[in-house]
Amino acid sequence: MKESVGNPLHLTSLNHISLVCRSVEKSIDFYQNVLGFVPVRRPGSFNFDGAWLFSYGIGIHLLQSEDPENMAKKSEIDPKDNHISFQCESMTAVERKLKEMEIVYLRQRVEEGGIYVDQLFFHDPDGFMVEVCNCENLPVVPLAGEMAPSCSQVKMQMLQQHQQQMRVVLP
């Protein structure tokens, strides 16, 4: 494979993920009440049912399936399956809340050089997997080339950029 260096497409951030749903309403409820996303305005020119939600700097676009009865349903939680992952402040609080909400989950712990990362995996109403972790514990170490920033450094850079943008907007 040809070596890719830098940012050939000049990407700036993850904008959104799109998920096809059996029921947009059930998915809105899950992403809003379990993960804390907020419904936002969606262009009215779309000729299909769906919803947009936003939080944590990313959007989730829910698309109503044209054939919800024939959508495959995943029941087994497999950490190696496609998923979206969120960092959290307290794994204990997340696990307690998942138990309260009676959401089935799988707990896993990864160790690398004495550093531990805890992970909780669970499904949305359509079987798309969600991970909540304390992945910030694990440093981001590139295999070669320039040093990649850690998650906390990225967070600080984003905060600084936001503050600079606010100074431009505010008088």
Protein backbone atom coordinates (compact mmCIF):
# COMPACT_ATOMS: atom_id res chain seq x y z
CA MET A 1 0.00 0.00 0.00
CA LYS A 2 1.28 3.45 -0.87
CA GLU A 3 2.34 5.42 2.22
CA SER A 4 -0.10 8.17 3.16
CA VAL A 5 1.43 11.17 4.89
CA GLY A 6 -0.27 14.15 6.49
CA ASN A 7 -3.84 14.97 5.67
CA PRO A 8 -4.27 14.38 1.90
CA LEU A 9 -8.01 15.22 1.93
CA HIS A 10 -7.62 18.15 4.36
CA LEU A 11 -10.14 16.65 6.79
CA THR A 12 -11.00 18.62 9.91
CA SER A 13 -13.26 16.37 12.01
CA LEU A 14 -15.86 13.63 12.06
CA ASN A 15 -19.20 15.24 11.08
CA HIS A 16 -21.78 12.49 11.51
CA ILE A 17 -22.61 8.82 11.21
CA SER A 18 -25.77 7.59 9.48
CA LEU A 19 -27.76 4.65 10.80
CA VAL A 20 -30.69 2.91 9.12
CA CYS A 21 -33.43 2.20 11.69
CA ARG A 22 -36.47 -0.01 12.05
CA SER A 23 -38.14 2.82 13.94
CA VAL A 24 -36.76 6.36 13.89
CA GLU A 25 -38.85 7.16 16.99
CA LYS A 26 -37.34 4.31 19.05
CA SER A 27 -33.85 5.27 17.91
CA ILE A 28 -34.42 8.94 18.79
CA ASP A 29 -35.50 7.83 22.26
CA PHE A 30 -32.34 5.71 22.67
CA TYR A 31 -29.84 8.27 21.40
CA GLN A 32 -31.51 11.09 23.31
CA ASN A 33 -32.27 9.38 26.64
CA VAL A 34 -29.41 6.88 26.87
CA LEU A 35 -26.53 8.71 25.16
CA GLY A 36 -27.59 12.34 25.63
CA PHE A 37 -27.90 13.46 22.00
CA VAL A 38 -30.20 16.36 21.14
CA PRO A 39 -32.55 16.37 18.13
CA VAL A 40 -31.65 19.15 15.67
CA ARG A 41 -33.31 20.54 12.56
CA ARG A 42 -33.05 18.37 9.46
CA PRO A 43 -33.46 19.79 5.94
CA GLY A 44 -37.13 19.67 4.93
CA SER A 45 -36.26 18.85 1.33
CA PHE A 46 -35.51 15.19 2.15
CA ASN A 47 -38.19 12.92 0.72
CA PHE A 48 -37.67 10.16 3.31
CA ASP A 49 -38.29 9.85 7.04
CA GLY A 50 -35.41 10.40 9.41
CA ALA A 51 -33.99 12.54 12.18
CA TRP A 52 -30.77 14.32 13.03
CA LEU A 53 -29.26 14.41 16.49
CA PHE A 54 -26.14 16.15 17.75
CA SER A 55 -23.80 16.06 20.75
CA TYR A 56 -20.14 15.64 21.66
CA GLY A 57 -19.15 17.39 18.44
CA ILE A 58 -20.71 14.79 16.13
CA GLY A 59 -24.06 14.17 14.51
CA ILE A 60 -26.09 11.00 14.24
CA HIS A 61 -28.38 10.86 11.23
CA LEU A 62 -31.17 8.34 11.61
CA LEU A 63 -32.74 7.01 8.41
CA GLN A 64 -36.02 5.11 8.41
CA SER A 65 -35.63 1.70 6.75
CA GLU A 66 -37.84 1.13 3.72
CA ASP A 67 -38.17 -2.51 4.81
CA PRO A 68 -37.90 -2.59 8.63
CA GLU A 69 -39.33 -6.11 8.97
CA ASN A 70 -36.43 -7.59 6.99
CA MET A 71 -33.61 -5.79 8.77
CA ALA A 72 -31.20 -8.23 10.39
CA LYS A 73 -31.35 -8.15 14.20
CA LYS A 74 -28.11 -8.63 16.12
CA SER A 75 -28.45 -10.06 19.60
CA GLU A 76 -24.90 -11.16 20.47
CA ILE A 77 -22.59 -8.38 21.61
CA ASP A 78 -19.30 -8.73 19.73
CA PRO A 79 -16.61 -6.13 20.53
CA LYS A 80 -15.04 -6.84 17.13
CA ASP A 81 -18.20 -5.69 15.29
CA ASN A 82 -18.75 -2.22 13.79
CA HIS A 83 -19.39 0.33 16.53
CA ILE A 84 -19.10 3.91 17.66
CA SER A 85 -17.19 4.62 20.84
CA PHE A 86 -17.62 7.36 23.44
CA GLN A 87 -15.29 8.31 26.28
CA CYS A 88 -16.84 8.94 29.66
CA GLU A 89 -16.05 10.55 32.99
CA SER A 90 -16.90 7.52 35.14
CA MET A 91 -17.15 3.91 34.02
CA THR A 92 -18.81 3.06 37.34
CA ALA A 93 -21.56 5.62 36.74
CA VAL A 94 -22.13 4.39 33.17
CA GLU A 95 -22.36 0.76 34.26
CA ARG A 96 -24.75 1.66 37.08
CA LYS A 97 -26.98 3.62 34.64
CA LEU A 98 -27.00 0.79 32.08
CA LYS A 99 -28.11 -1.61 34.84
CA GLU A 100 -30.86 0.83 35.94
CA MET A 101 -32.10 1.10 32.34
CA GLU A 102 -31.91 -2.71 31.98
CA ILE A 103 -29.65 -2.43 28.95
CA VAL A 104 -27.72 -5.62 28.27
CA TYR A 105 -24.00 -4.92 28.00
CA LEU A 106 -20.63 -6.64 27.88
CA ARG A 107 -17.74 -5.43 30.04
CA GLN A 108 -14.18 -5.83 28.84
CA ARG A 109 -10.76 -4.69 30.05
CA VAL A 110 -7.71 -4.13 27.86
CA GLU A 111 -4.18 -3.85 29.27
CA GLU A 112 -1.20 -2.37 27.49
CA GLY A 113 2.06 -1.83 29.34
CA GLY A 114 0.38 -1.53 32.72
CA ILE A 115 -2.29 0.87 31.44
CA TYR A 116 -5.88 -0.37 31.70
CA VAL A 117 -8.81 0.60 29.53
CA ASP A 118 -12.31 -0.46 30.55
CA GLN A 119 -14.98 -0.89 27.88
CA LEU A 120 -18.74 -1.39 27.98
CA PHE A 121 -20.44 -2.60 24.79
CA PHE A 122 -24.20 -2.57 24.13
CA HIS A 123 -26.64 -2.30 21.23
CA ASP A 124 -28.99 0.43 20.08
CA PRO A 125 -32.59 -0.64 19.23
CA ASP A 126 -31.45 -1.87 15.79
CA GLY A 127 -28.40 -3.82 16.92
CA PHE A 128 -25.77 -1.18 16.07
CA MET A 129 -23.11 -1.43 18.74
CA VAL A 130 -22.10 1.36 21.07
CA GLU A 131 -18.97 1.34 23.22
CA VAL A 132 -18.34 3.52 26.25
CA CYS A 133 -14.77 3.50 27.52
CA ASN A 134 -12.04 5.31 29.38
CA CYS A 135 -9.83 5.05 26.29
CA GLU A 136 -8.20 8.38 27.13
CA ASN A 137 -6.00 6.37 29.52
CA LEU A 138 -4.21 4.83 26.53
CA PRO A 139 -1.77 7.15 24.75
CA VAL A 140 -2.00 7.50 20.98
CA VAL A 141 1.36 6.29 19.65
CA PRO A 142 1.92 6.47 15.88
CA LEU A 143 3.73 3.60 14.24
CA ALA A 144 6.03 5.98 12.36
CA GLY A 145 6.50 9.63 11.53
CA GLU A 146 5.08 12.59 13.38
CA MET A 147 3.81 12.29 16.93
CA ALA A 148 0.02 12.06 17.07
CA PRO A 149 -1.69 14.07 19.82
CA SER A 150 -3.34 12.22 22.69
CA CYS A 151 -7.10 12.47 23.11
CA SER A 152 -6.66 15.02 25.90
CA GLN A 153 -4.35 17.12 23.68
CA VAL A 154 -6.94 17.00 20.88
CA LYS A 155 -9.64 18.07 23.36
CA MET A 156 -7.49 21.00 24.52
CA GLN A 157 -6.76 22.05 20.91
CA MET A 158 -10.47 21.94 20.05
CA LEU A 159 -11.30 24.04 23.12
CA GLN A 160 -8.64 26.60 22.21
CA GLN A 161 -9.91 26.79 18.61
CA HIS A 162 -13.49 27.24 19.87
CA GLN A 163 -12.38 30.02 22.22
CA GLN A 164 -10.56 31.76 19.35
CA GLN A 165 -13.66 31.50 17.14
CA MET A 166 -15.80 32.96 19.93
CA ARG A 167 -13.44 35.94 20.24
CA VAL A 168 -13.92 36.63 16.51
CA VAL A 169 -17.74 36.42 16.81
CA LEU A 170 -18.10 38.38 20.05
CA PRO A 171 -17.47 42.18 20.08
